Amino acid sequence: PVLNIIDPPERRRTLLSRREARPGGAAAYVLDIRLQGPDETVFFDI
């Protein structure tokens, strides 16, 4: 529900982590926080 208030919808991905495989079969979740630019992370008050 909280992600639904972000408009346009394609900006929602800036708040989601992505899974990356690591050596030995382990998984890691990566979240990039960008402070400015075209892929700037969305910040909002709830």
PDB file of N, CA and C in Angstrom:
ATOM      1  N   PRO A   1       0.800  -1.214   0.000  1.00  0.00           N
ATOM      2  CA  PRO A   1       0.000   0.000   0.000  1.00  0.00           C
ATOM      3  C   PRO A   1       0.845   1.282   0.000  1.00  0.00           C
ATOM      4  N   VAL A   2       1.941   1.318   0.745  1.00  0.00           N
ATOM      5  CA  VAL A   2       2.745   2.538   0.808  1.00  0.00           C
ATOM      6  C   VAL A   2       3.394   2.827  -0.541  1.00  0.00           C
ATOM      7  N   LEU A   3       3.851   1.802  -1.226  1.00  0.00           N
ATOM      8  CA  LEU A   3       4.482   2.021  -2.531  1.00  0.00           C
ATOM      9  C   LEU A   3       3.499   2.582  -3.555  1.00  0.00           C
ATOM     10  N   ASN A   4       2.223   2.337  -3.363  1.00  0.00           N
ATOM     11  CA  ASN A   4       1.225   2.812  -4.323  1.00  0.00           C
ATOM     12  C   ASN A   4       1.079   4.328  -4.347  1.00  0.00           C
ATOM     13  N   ILE A   5       1.582   5.036  -3.332  1.00  0.00           N
ATOM     14  CA  ILE A   5       1.468   6.497  -3.340  1.00  0.00           C
ATOM     15  C   ILE A   5       2.567   7.149  -4.178  1.00  0.00           C
ATOM     16  N   ILE A   6       3.546   6.357  -4.620  1.00  0.00           N
ATOM     17  CA  ILE A   6       4.648   6.896  -5.428  1.00  0.00           C
ATOM     18  C   ILE A   6       4.202   7.001  -6.879  1.00  0.00           C
ATOM     19  N   ASP A   7       4.331   8.208  -7.413  1.00  0.00           N
ATOM     20  CA  ASP A   7       3.935   8.450  -8.784  1.00  0.00           C
ATOM     21  C   ASP A   7       5.063   9.200  -9.485  1.00  0.00           C
ATOM     22  N   PRO A   8       5.538   8.781 -10.601  1.00  0.00           N
ATOM     23  CA  PRO A   8       5.074   7.701 -11.447  1.00  0.00           C
ATOM     24  C   PRO A   8       5.499   6.328 -10.913  1.00  0.00           C
ATOM     25  N   PRO A   9       4.753   5.277 -11.238  1.00  0.00           N
ATOM     26  CA  PRO A   9       5.000   3.936 -10.700  1.00  0.00           C
ATOM     27  C   PRO A   9       6.408   3.391 -10.942  1.00  0.00           C
ATOM     28  N   GLU A  10       7.044   3.754 -12.052  1.00  0.00           N
ATOM     29  CA  GLU A  10       8.390   3.215 -12.324  1.00  0.00           C
ATOM     30  C   GLU A  10       9.429   3.714 -11.329  1.00  0.00           C
ATOM     31  N   ARG A  11       9.128   4.755 -10.563  1.00  0.00           N
ATOM     32  CA  ARG A  11      10.053   5.268  -9.546  1.00  0.00           C
ATOM     33  C   ARG A  11      10.074   4.373  -8.307  1.00  0.00           C
ATOM     34  N   ARG A  12       9.099   3.487  -8.161  1.00  0.00           N
ATOM     35  CA  ARG A  12       9.021   2.599  -6.989  1.00  0.00           C
ATOM     36  C   ARG A  12      10.251   1.709  -6.868  1.00  0.00           C
ATOM     37  N   ARG A  13      10.841   1.371  -7.992  1.00  0.00           N
ATOM     38  CA  ARG A  13      12.005   0.471  -7.958  1.00  0.00           C
ATOM     39  C   ARG A  13      13.182   1.072  -7.196  1.00  0.00           C
ATOM     40  N   THR A  14      13.209   2.395  -7.025  1.00  0.00           N
ATOM     41  CA  THR A  14      14.316   3.020  -6.300  1.00  0.00           C
ATOM     42  C   THR A  14      14.282   2.690  -4.811  1.00  0.00           C
ATOM     43  N   LEU A  15      13.174   2.135  -4.330  1.00  0.00           N
ATOM     44  CA  LEU A  15      13.045   1.766  -2.916  1.00  0.00           C
ATOM     45  C   LEU A  15      13.161   0.266  -2.678  1.00  0.00           C
ATOM     46  N   LEU A  16      13.386  -0.505  -3.722  1.00  0.00           N
ATOM     47  CA  LEU A  16      13.424  -1.957  -3.598  1.00  0.00           C
ATOM     48  C   LEU A  16      14.843  -2.489  -3.772  1.00  0.00           C
ATOM     49  N   SER A  17      15.179  -3.474  -2.952  1.00  0.00           N
ATOM     50  CA  SER A  17      16.490  -4.105  -3.095  1.00  0.00           C
ATOM     51  C   SER A  17      16.425  -5.137  -4.216  1.00  0.00           C
ATOM     52  N   ARG A  18      17.595  -5.544  -4.667  1.00  0.00           N
ATOM     53  CA  ARG A  18      17.665  -6.592  -5.680  1.00  0.00           C
ATOM     54  C   ARG A  18      18.561  -7.711  -5.160  1.00  0.00           C
ATOM     55  N   ARG A  19      18.241  -8.923  -5.553  1.00  0.00           N
ATOM     56  CA  ARG A  19      18.992 -10.089  -5.114  1.00  0.00           C
ATOM     57  C   ARG A  19      20.161 -10.330  -6.056  1.00  0.00           C
ATOM     58  N   GLU A  20      21.328 -10.594  -5.462  1.00  0.00           N
ATOM     59  CA  GLU A  20      22.519 -10.925  -6.242  1.00  0.00           C
ATOM     60  C   GLU A  20      23.115 -12.212  -5.697  1.00  0.00           C
ATOM     61  N   ALA A  21      23.544 -13.074  -6.601  1.00  0.00           N
ATOM     62  CA  ALA A  21      24.187 -14.321  -6.194  1.00  0.00           C
ATOM     63  C   ALA A  21      25.609 -14.034  -5.734  1.00  0.00           C
ATOM     64  N   ARG A  22      26.040 -14.762  -4.754  1.00  0.00           N
ATOM     65  CA  ARG A  22      27.400 -14.647  -4.224  1.00  0.00           C
ATOM     66  C   ARG A  22      28.093 -15.997  -4.346  1.00  0.00           C
ATOM     67  N   PRO A  23      29.411 -16.009  -4.289  1.00  0.00           N
ATOM     68  CA  PRO A  23      30.130 -17.283  -4.369  1.00  0.00           C
ATOM     69  C   PRO A  23      29.655 -18.260  -3.299  1.00  0.00           C
ATOM     70  N   GLY A  24      29.614 -19.520  -3.652  1.00  0.00           N
ATOM     71  CA  GLY A  24      29.196 -20.550  -2.715  1.00  0.00           C
ATOM     72  C   GLY A  24      27.691 -20.710  -2.622  1.00  0.00           C
ATOM     73  N   GLY A  25      26.952 -20.051  -3.499  1.00  0.00           N
ATOM     74  CA  GLY A  25      25.504 -20.191  -3.511  1.00  0.00           C
ATOM     75  C   GLY A  25      24.760 -19.256  -2.573  1.00  0.00           C
ATOM     76  N   ALA A  26      25.492 -18.426  -1.847  1.00  0.00           N
ATOM     77  CA  ALA A  26      24.834 -17.478  -0.944  1.00  0.00           C
ATOM     78  C   ALA A  26      24.152 -16.380  -1.754  1.00  0.00           C
ATOM     79  N   ALA A  27      23.199 -15.732  -1.135  1.00  0.00           N
ATOM     80  CA  ALA A  27      22.507 -14.616  -1.783  1.00  0.00           C
ATOM     81  C   ALA A  27      22.719 -13.356  -0.965  1.00  0.00           C
ATOM     82  N   ALA A  28      22.764 -12.239  -1.646  1.00  0.00           N
ATOM     83  CA  ALA A  28      22.863 -10.938  -0.980  1.00  0.00           C
ATOM     84  C   ALA A  28      21.796 -10.035  -1.582  1.00  0.00           C
ATOM     85  N   TYR A  29      21.298  -9.144  -0.776  1.00  0.00           N
ATOM     86  CA  TYR A  29      20.326  -8.160  -1.249  1.00  0.00           C
ATOM     87  C   TYR A  29      20.991  -6.796  -1.238  1.00  0.00           C
ATOM     88  N   VAL A  30      20.919  -6.101  -2.360  1.00  0.00           N
ATOM     89  CA  VAL A  30      21.621  -4.838  -2.546  1.00  0.00           C
ATOM     90  C   VAL A  30      20.598  -3.723  -2.748  1.00  0.00           C
ATOM     91  N   LEU A  31      20.806  -2.614  -2.038  1.00  0.00           N
ATOM     92  CA  LEU A  31      19.961  -1.437  -2.192  1.00  0.00           C
ATOM     93  C   LEU A  31      20.869  -0.247  -2.424  1.00  0.00           C
ATOM     94  N   ASP A  32      20.748   0.368  -3.583  1.00  0.00           N
ATOM     95  CA  ASP A  32      21.520   1.565  -3.902  1.00  0.00           C
ATOM     96  C   ASP A  32      20.682   2.787  -3.561  1.00  0.00           C
ATOM     97  N   ILE A  33      21.254   3.705  -2.800  1.00  0.00           N
ATOM     98  CA  ILE A  33      20.586   4.962  -2.488  1.00  0.00           C
ATOM     99  C   ILE A  33      21.295   6.054  -3.268  1.00  0.00           C
ATOM    100  N   ARG A  34      20.572   6.658  -4.183  1.00  0.00           N
ATOM    101  CA  ARG A  34      21.126   7.725  -5.025  1.00  0.00           C
ATOM    102  C   ARG A  34      20.513   9.043  -4.594  1.00  0.00           C
ATOM    103  N   LEU A  35      21.360  10.010  -4.300  1.00  0.00           N
ATOM    104  CA  LEU A  35      20.895  11.276  -3.754  1.00  0.00           C
ATOM    105  C   LEU A  35      20.456  12.286  -4.803  1.00  0.00           C
ATOM    106  N   GLN A  36      20.910  12.101  -6.042  1.00  0.00           N
ATOM    107  CA  GLN A  36      20.472  13.005  -7.105  1.00  0.00           C
ATOM    108  C   GLN A  36      20.692  12.350  -8.450  1.00  0.00           C
ATOM    109  N   GLY A  37      20.075  12.917  -9.457  1.00  0.00           N
ATOM    110  CA  GLY A  37      20.206  12.391 -10.807  1.00  0.00           C
ATOM    111  C   GLY A  37      18.927  11.723 -11.273  1.00  0.00           C
ATOM    112  N   PRO A  38      18.955  11.179 -12.496  1.00  0.00           N
ATOM    113  CA  PRO A  38      17.733  10.605 -13.076  1.00  0.00           C
ATOM    114  C   PRO A  38      17.197   9.388 -12.319  1.00  0.00           C
ATOM    115  N   ASP A  39      18.058   8.652 -11.642  1.00  0.00           N
ATOM    116  CA  ASP A  39      17.618   7.484 -10.865  1.00  0.00           C
ATOM    117  C   ASP A  39      17.630   7.775  -9.369  1.00  0.00           C
ATOM    118  N   GLU A  40      17.410   9.025  -8.999  1.00  0.00           N
ATOM    119  CA  GLU A  40      17.410   9.446  -7.599  1.00  0.00           C
ATOM    120  C   GLU A  40      16.411   8.615  -6.788  1.00  0.00           C
ATOM    121  N   THR A  41      16.836   8.174  -5.608  1.00  0.00           N
ATOM    122  CA  THR A  41      15.973   7.406  -4.723  1.00  0.00           C
ATOM    123  C   THR A  41      14.824   8.286  -4.235  1.00  0.00           C
ATOM    124  N   VAL A  42      13.625   7.732  -4.269  1.00  0.00           N
ATOM    125  CA  VAL A  42      12.437   8.455  -3.825  1.00  0.00           C
ATOM    126  C   VAL A  42      12.426   8.509  -2.302  1.00  0.00           C
ATOM    127  N   PHE A  43      12.161   9.683  -1.760  1.00  0.00           N
ATOM    128  CA  PHE A  43      11.972   9.852  -0.321  1.00  0.00           C
ATOM    129  C   PHE A  43      10.604  10.471  -0.110  1.00  0.00           C
ATOM    130  N   PHE A  44       9.907  10.052   0.942  1.00  0.00           N
ATOM    131  CA  PHE A  44       8.582  10.603   1.197  1.00  0.00           C
ATOM    132  C   PHE A  44       8.242  10.497   2.679  1.00  0.00           C
ATOM    133  N   ASP A  45       7.289  11.301   3.119  1.00  0.00           N
ATOM    134  CA  ASP A  45       6.764  11.248   4.484  1.00  0.00           C
ATOM    135  C   ASP A  45       5.508  10.395   4.490  1.00  0.00           C
ATOM    136  N   ILE A  46       5.411   9.540   5.512  1.00  0.00           N
ATOM    137  CA  ILE A  46       4.176   8.760   5.662  1.00  0.00           C
ATOM    138  C   ILE A  46       3.590   9.001   7.034  1.00  0.00           C
TER     139      ILE A  46
END
